[in-house]
Amino acid sequence: MVQGAAVQLREVMVNLIFNAVEAMQEGGSITIRTSTNAHGAELQISDTGSGMTQEVKRQISVPFFTTKHSGTGLGLSMVYGVMQRHGGRVDIISSPGEGTTVSLLFPRFPISG
């Protein structure tokens, strides 16, 4: 079980899915997976899009950084901020031409009852 602000977590999901769609200009697929372990829960969003270079990957959490022709450059910095406020973290695996996997890692919260 994870604990969080539903509106913020929904915004994170919408943002990541829109980014995945935009990275697949010529089509592709998006896969969403969830898993749990002793430390918490993980939600992964993977796409078969264009992927990112290491230079782009280093800057994606910086507010106003964007590689898009339109957009504010605030989406992924918002994702990082929400995950930080929820005690979680964001891991990204991406290579040019290989797609991207964004993992949202949430700490486990005890179930009361």
N, C-alpha and C. Protein backbone atom coordinates (compact mmCIF):
# COMPACT_ATOMS: atom_id res chain seq x y z
N MET A 1 0.84 -1.17 0.00
CA MET A 1 0.00 0.00 0.00
C MET A 1 0.90 1.24 0.00
N VAL A 2 0.51 2.24 -0.78
CA VAL A 2 1.20 3.53 -0.75
C VAL A 2 0.21 4.58 -0.31
N GLN A 3 0.74 5.66 0.19
CA GLN A 3 -0.08 6.74 0.67
C GLN A 3 0.29 7.97 -0.15
N GLY A 4 -0.73 8.73 -0.58
CA GLY A 4 -0.42 9.92 -1.36
C GLY A 4 -1.64 10.74 -1.70
N ALA A 5 -1.37 11.88 -2.29
CA ALA A 5 -2.41 12.80 -2.74
C ALA A 5 -2.86 12.35 -4.13
N ALA A 6 -4.08 11.86 -4.23
CA ALA A 6 -4.58 11.28 -5.48
C ALA A 6 -4.49 12.25 -6.65
N VAL A 7 -4.83 13.50 -6.43
CA VAL A 7 -4.80 14.49 -7.53
C VAL A 7 -3.38 14.65 -8.05
N GLN A 8 -2.41 14.74 -7.16
CA GLN A 8 -1.02 14.90 -7.59
C GLN A 8 -0.50 13.65 -8.30
N LEU A 9 -0.83 12.50 -7.78
CA LEU A 9 -0.37 11.25 -8.39
C LEU A 9 -1.02 11.05 -9.76
N ARG A 10 -2.27 11.44 -9.91
CA ARG A 10 -2.94 11.37 -11.20
C ARG A 10 -2.25 12.29 -12.20
N GLU A 11 -1.87 13.49 -11.76
CA GLU A 11 -1.18 14.43 -12.62
C GLU A 11 0.17 13.87 -13.08
N VAL A 12 0.87 13.19 -12.18
CA VAL A 12 2.13 12.54 -12.53
C VAL A 12 1.90 11.52 -13.64
N MET A 13 0.90 10.66 -13.46
CA MET A 13 0.60 9.62 -14.45
C MET A 13 0.24 10.22 -15.81
N VAL A 14 -0.65 11.21 -15.80
CA VAL A 14 -1.07 11.85 -17.05
C VAL A 14 0.14 12.46 -17.75
N ASN A 15 0.98 13.14 -17.00
CA ASN A 15 2.16 13.77 -17.58
C ASN A 15 3.08 12.73 -18.23
N LEU A 16 3.35 11.65 -17.53
CA LEU A 16 4.25 10.63 -18.06
C LEU A 16 3.66 9.93 -19.28
N ILE A 17 2.36 9.70 -19.28
CA ILE A 17 1.72 9.06 -20.45
C ILE A 17 1.74 10.01 -21.64
N PHE A 18 1.44 11.29 -21.45
CA PHE A 18 1.52 12.26 -22.55
C PHE A 18 2.93 12.34 -23.10
N ASN A 19 3.94 12.35 -22.22
CA ASN A 19 5.33 12.37 -22.69
C ASN A 19 5.63 11.14 -23.54
N ALA A 20 5.15 9.98 -23.11
CA ALA A 20 5.38 8.75 -23.86
C ALA A 20 4.72 8.83 -25.23
N VAL A 21 3.50 9.32 -25.28
CA VAL A 21 2.80 9.45 -26.57
C VAL A 21 3.57 10.40 -27.49
N GLU A 22 4.03 11.52 -26.96
CA GLU A 22 4.76 12.49 -27.77
C GLU A 22 6.10 11.94 -28.26
N ALA A 23 6.68 11.00 -27.53
CA ALA A 23 7.96 10.41 -27.94
C ALA A 23 7.78 9.37 -29.05
N MET A 24 6.53 9.01 -29.35
CA MET A 24 6.26 7.98 -30.36
C MET A 24 5.54 8.61 -31.55
N GLN A 25 6.19 9.53 -32.21
CA GLN A 25 5.59 10.24 -33.34
C GLN A 25 5.11 9.31 -34.45
N GLU A 26 5.75 8.18 -34.60
CA GLU A 26 5.38 7.26 -35.67
C GLU A 26 4.71 6.00 -35.13
N GLY A 27 4.11 6.11 -33.96
CA GLY A 27 3.42 4.97 -33.36
C GLY A 27 4.33 4.20 -32.42
N GLY A 28 3.76 3.24 -31.76
CA GLY A 28 4.51 2.45 -30.80
C GLY A 28 3.58 1.93 -29.73
N SER A 29 4.17 1.57 -28.59
CA SER A 29 3.34 1.06 -27.50
C SER A 29 3.81 1.61 -26.17
N ILE A 30 2.85 1.69 -25.26
CA ILE A 30 3.09 2.11 -23.88
C ILE A 30 2.71 0.94 -22.99
N THR A 31 3.58 0.60 -22.07
CA THR A 31 3.31 -0.48 -21.13
C THR A 31 3.36 0.09 -19.72
N ILE A 32 2.36 -0.24 -18.92
CA ILE A 32 2.31 0.19 -17.53
C ILE A 32 2.36 -1.07 -16.66
N ARG A 33 3.31 -1.08 -15.72
CA ARG A 33 3.47 -2.23 -14.84
C ARG A 33 3.51 -1.76 -13.39
N THR A 34 3.07 -2.61 -12.50
CA THR A 34 3.20 -2.33 -11.07
C THR A 34 3.80 -3.56 -10.39
N SER A 35 4.50 -3.32 -9.30
CA SER A 35 5.04 -4.42 -8.51
C SER A 35 5.26 -3.92 -7.09
N THR A 36 5.43 -4.86 -6.18
CA THR A 36 5.73 -4.52 -4.80
C THR A 36 6.87 -5.39 -4.31
N ASN A 37 7.55 -4.89 -3.28
CA ASN A 37 8.57 -5.69 -2.59
C ASN A 37 8.57 -5.23 -1.14
N ALA A 38 9.52 -5.69 -0.37
CA ALA A 38 9.56 -5.36 1.06
C ALA A 38 9.74 -3.88 1.32
N HIS A 39 10.28 -3.15 0.36
CA HIS A 39 10.56 -1.73 0.57
C HIS A 39 9.44 -0.81 0.11
N GLY A 40 8.57 -1.27 -0.79
CA GLY A 40 7.50 -0.41 -1.25
C GLY A 40 6.90 -0.89 -2.56
N ALA A 41 6.38 0.06 -3.30
CA ALA A 41 5.71 -0.24 -4.56
C ALA A 41 6.41 0.49 -5.70
N GLU A 42 6.32 -0.11 -6.88
CA GLU A 42 6.91 0.49 -8.07
C GLU A 42 5.88 0.53 -9.17
N LEU A 43 5.82 1.65 -9.85
CA LEU A 43 4.98 1.81 -11.02
C LEU A 43 5.90 2.18 -12.17
N GLN A 44 5.86 1.41 -13.26
CA GLN A 44 6.69 1.67 -14.42
C GLN A 44 5.83 2.03 -15.61
N ILE A 45 6.27 3.06 -16.33
CA ILE A 45 5.66 3.42 -17.60
C ILE A 45 6.76 3.35 -18.64
N SER A 46 6.60 2.45 -19.61
CA SER A 46 7.60 2.25 -20.67
C SER A 46 6.99 2.59 -22.01
N ASP A 47 7.81 3.19 -22.88
CA ASP A 47 7.36 3.46 -24.24
C ASP A 47 8.41 2.97 -25.23
N THR A 48 8.01 2.81 -26.46
CA THR A 48 8.91 2.39 -27.53
C THR A 48 9.28 3.58 -28.41
N GLY A 49 9.33 4.75 -27.80
CA GLY A 49 9.58 5.98 -28.54
C GLY A 49 11.04 6.24 -28.83
N SER A 50 11.33 7.51 -29.07
CA SER A 50 12.65 7.92 -29.55
C SER A 50 13.75 7.81 -28.50
N GLY A 51 13.42 7.76 -27.24
CA GLY A 51 14.44 7.66 -26.19
C GLY A 51 15.16 8.99 -25.98
N MET A 52 16.10 9.00 -25.05
CA MET A 52 16.82 10.22 -24.71
C MET A 52 18.32 9.96 -24.67
N THR A 53 19.08 10.98 -25.01
CA THR A 53 20.52 10.92 -24.83
C THR A 53 20.84 11.10 -23.35
N GLN A 54 22.06 10.78 -22.96
CA GLN A 54 22.46 10.97 -21.56
C GLN A 54 22.43 12.46 -21.19
N GLU A 55 22.79 13.33 -22.12
CA GLU A 55 22.76 14.78 -21.85
C GLU A 55 21.34 15.25 -21.54
N VAL A 56 20.37 14.83 -22.35
CA VAL A 56 18.96 15.19 -22.10
C VAL A 56 18.51 14.60 -20.78
N LYS A 57 18.84 13.35 -20.54
CA LYS A 57 18.43 12.68 -19.30
C LYS A 57 18.94 13.40 -18.06
N ARG A 58 20.15 13.96 -18.13
CA ARG A 58 20.71 14.69 -16.99
C ARG A 58 19.93 15.97 -16.68
N GLN A 59 19.25 16.54 -17.68
CA GLN A 59 18.61 17.83 -17.50
C GLN A 59 17.09 17.78 -17.33
N ILE A 60 16.49 16.61 -17.46
CA ILE A 60 15.03 16.55 -17.52
C ILE A 60 14.32 16.99 -16.25
N SER A 61 14.99 16.97 -15.11
CA SER A 61 14.31 17.41 -13.88
C SER A 61 14.47 18.91 -13.65
N VAL A 62 15.20 19.58 -14.53
CA VAL A 62 15.43 21.02 -14.40
C VAL A 62 14.20 21.77 -14.91
N PRO A 63 13.60 22.63 -14.07
CA PRO A 63 12.42 23.39 -14.54
C PRO A 63 12.74 24.19 -15.80
N PHE A 64 11.80 24.18 -16.73
CA PHE A 64 11.82 24.92 -17.99
C PHE A 64 12.73 24.30 -19.05
N PHE A 65 13.40 23.18 -18.76
CA PHE A 65 14.18 22.48 -19.79
C PHE A 65 13.20 21.67 -20.63
N THR A 66 13.28 21.81 -21.94
CA THR A 66 12.43 21.03 -22.83
C THR A 66 13.15 20.76 -24.13
N THR A 67 12.79 19.66 -24.77
CA THR A 67 13.29 19.35 -26.11
C THR A 67 12.15 19.48 -27.12
N LYS A 68 10.98 19.91 -26.66
CA LYS A 68 9.80 19.99 -27.50
C LYS A 68 9.66 21.39 -28.10
N HIS A 69 8.97 21.46 -29.23
CA HIS A 69 8.72 22.75 -29.86
C HIS A 69 7.68 23.55 -29.09
N SER A 70 6.76 22.85 -28.47
CA SER A 70 5.79 23.52 -27.61
C SER A 70 5.81 22.81 -26.26
N GLY A 71 5.49 23.52 -25.24
CA GLY A 71 5.53 22.96 -23.90
C GLY A 71 6.31 23.87 -22.98
N THR A 72 6.11 23.67 -21.70
CA THR A 72 6.70 24.58 -20.72
C THR A 72 8.01 24.08 -20.14
N GLY A 73 8.27 22.79 -20.26
CA GLY A 73 9.46 22.23 -19.62
C GLY A 73 9.27 22.02 -18.13
N LEU A 74 8.02 22.00 -17.69
CA LEU A 74 7.75 21.83 -16.26
C LEU A 74 7.25 20.43 -15.91
N GLY A 75 6.88 19.64 -16.90
CA GLY A 75 6.26 18.35 -16.63
C GLY A 75 7.10 17.41 -15.80
N LEU A 76 8.31 17.11 -16.23
CA LEU A 76 9.12 16.15 -15.48
C LEU A 76 9.67 16.74 -14.19
N SER A 77 9.89 18.05 -14.16
CA SER A 77 10.32 18.63 -12.87
C SER A 77 9.17 18.52 -11.86
N MET A 78 7.92 18.64 -12.33
CA MET A 78 6.76 18.44 -11.46
C MET A 78 6.70 17.00 -10.97
N VAL A 79 6.97 16.04 -11.87
CA VAL A 79 6.97 14.63 -11.49
C VAL A 79 7.99 14.40 -10.37
N TYR A 80 9.21 14.92 -10.55
CA TYR A 80 10.24 14.77 -9.52
C TYR A 80 9.80 15.40 -8.20
N GLY A 81 9.19 16.60 -8.26
CA GLY A 81 8.75 17.27 -7.05
C GLY A 81 7.67 16.50 -6.31
N VAL A 82 6.68 15.99 -7.04
CA VAL A 82 5.60 15.22 -6.41
C VAL A 82 6.17 13.95 -5.77
N MET A 83 7.04 13.27 -6.47
CA MET A 83 7.61 12.04 -5.91
C MET A 83 8.45 12.34 -4.67
N GLN A 84 9.17 13.43 -4.68
CA GLN A 84 9.96 13.81 -3.51
C GLN A 84 9.04 14.09 -2.32
N ARG A 85 7.94 14.81 -2.57
CA ARG A 85 7.00 15.11 -1.48
C ARG A 85 6.33 13.85 -0.94
N HIS A 86 6.25 12.82 -1.76
CA HIS A 86 5.64 11.56 -1.35
C HIS A 86 6.69 10.58 -0.79
N GLY A 87 7.91 11.04 -0.62
CA GLY A 87 8.95 10.19 -0.06
C GLY A 87 9.48 9.15 -1.03
N GLY A 88 9.18 9.32 -2.31
CA GLY A 88 9.59 8.35 -3.32
C GLY A 88 10.72 8.87 -4.18
N ARG A 89 10.96 8.14 -5.25
CA ARG A 89 11.99 8.58 -6.19
C ARG A 89 11.60 8.18 -7.61
N VAL A 90 12.31 8.79 -8.54
CA VAL A 90 12.09 8.53 -9.97
C VAL A 90 13.38 7.97 -10.54
N ASP A 91 13.28 6.86 -11.24
CA ASP A 91 14.41 6.30 -11.99
C ASP A 91 14.03 6.26 -13.46
N ILE A 92 14.95 6.64 -14.32
CA ILE A 92 14.68 6.65 -15.76
C ILE A 92 15.76 5.89 -16.49
N ILE A 93 15.33 4.95 -17.32
CA ILE A 93 16.23 4.22 -18.20
C ILE A 93 15.82 4.58 -19.62
N SER A 94 16.78 5.11 -20.39
CA SER A 94 16.46 5.54 -21.74
C SER A 94 17.71 5.59 -22.59
N SER A 95 17.57 5.25 -23.86
CA SER A 95 18.64 5.36 -24.84
C SER A 95 18.01 5.80 -26.16
N PRO A 96 18.73 6.60 -26.94
CA PRO A 96 18.20 7.02 -28.23
C PRO A 96 17.80 5.82 -29.09
N GLY A 97 16.59 5.86 -29.62
CA GLY A 97 16.08 4.79 -30.46
C GLY A 97 15.61 3.56 -29.71
N GLU A 98 15.74 3.54 -28.40
CA GLU A 98 15.39 2.36 -27.60
C GLU A 98 14.18 2.56 -26.69
N GLY A 99 13.60 3.75 -26.69
CA GLY A 99 12.48 4.01 -25.81
C GLY A 99 12.92 4.42 -24.42
N THR A 100 11.93 4.57 -23.55
CA THR A 100 12.16 5.06 -22.19
C THR A 100 11.31 4.28 -21.20
N THR A 101 11.88 4.01 -20.04
CA THR A 101 11.12 3.45 -18.92
C THR A 101 11.30 4.38 -17.74
N VAL A 102 10.18 4.88 -17.22
CA VAL A 102 10.18 5.72 -16.02
C VAL A 102 9.62 4.87 -14.89
N SER A 103 10.41 4.74 -13.82
CA SER A 103 9.97 3.99 -12.65
C SER A 103 9.71 4.95 -11.51
N LEU A 104 8.52 4.86 -10.95
CA LEU A 104 8.15 5.63 -9.77
C LEU A 104 8.21 4.67 -8.59
N LEU A 105 9.08 4.97 -7.64
CA LEU A 105 9.30 4.08 -6.50
C LEU A 105 8.73 4.72 -5.25
N PHE A 106 7.74 4.09 -4.66
CA PHE A 106 7.04 4.60 -3.48
C PHE A 106 7.42 3.79 -2.26
N PRO A 107 7.66 4.46 -1.13
CA PRO A 107 7.93 3.70 0.09
C PRO A 107 6.66 2.99 0.57
N ARG A 108 6.84 1.88 1.24
CA ARG A 108 5.71 1.14 1.80
C ARG A 108 5.25 1.82 3.08
N PHE A 109 3.96 1.95 3.20
CA PHE A 109 3.38 2.51 4.44
C PHE A 109 2.65 1.37 5.14
N PRO A 110 2.75 1.32 6.45
CA PRO A 110 2.06 0.24 7.16
C PRO A 110 0.54 0.37 7.04
N ILE A 111 -0.10 -0.77 6.97
CA ILE A 111 -1.57 -0.81 6.93
C ILE A 111 -2.06 -0.86 8.37
N SER A 112 -2.85 0.13 8.73
CA SER A 112 -3.38 0.13 10.09
C SER A 112 -4.70 -0.62 10.13
N GLY A 113 -5.03 -1.14 11.24
CA GLY A 113 -6.31 -1.78 11.29
C GLY A 113 -6.37 -2.81 12.31
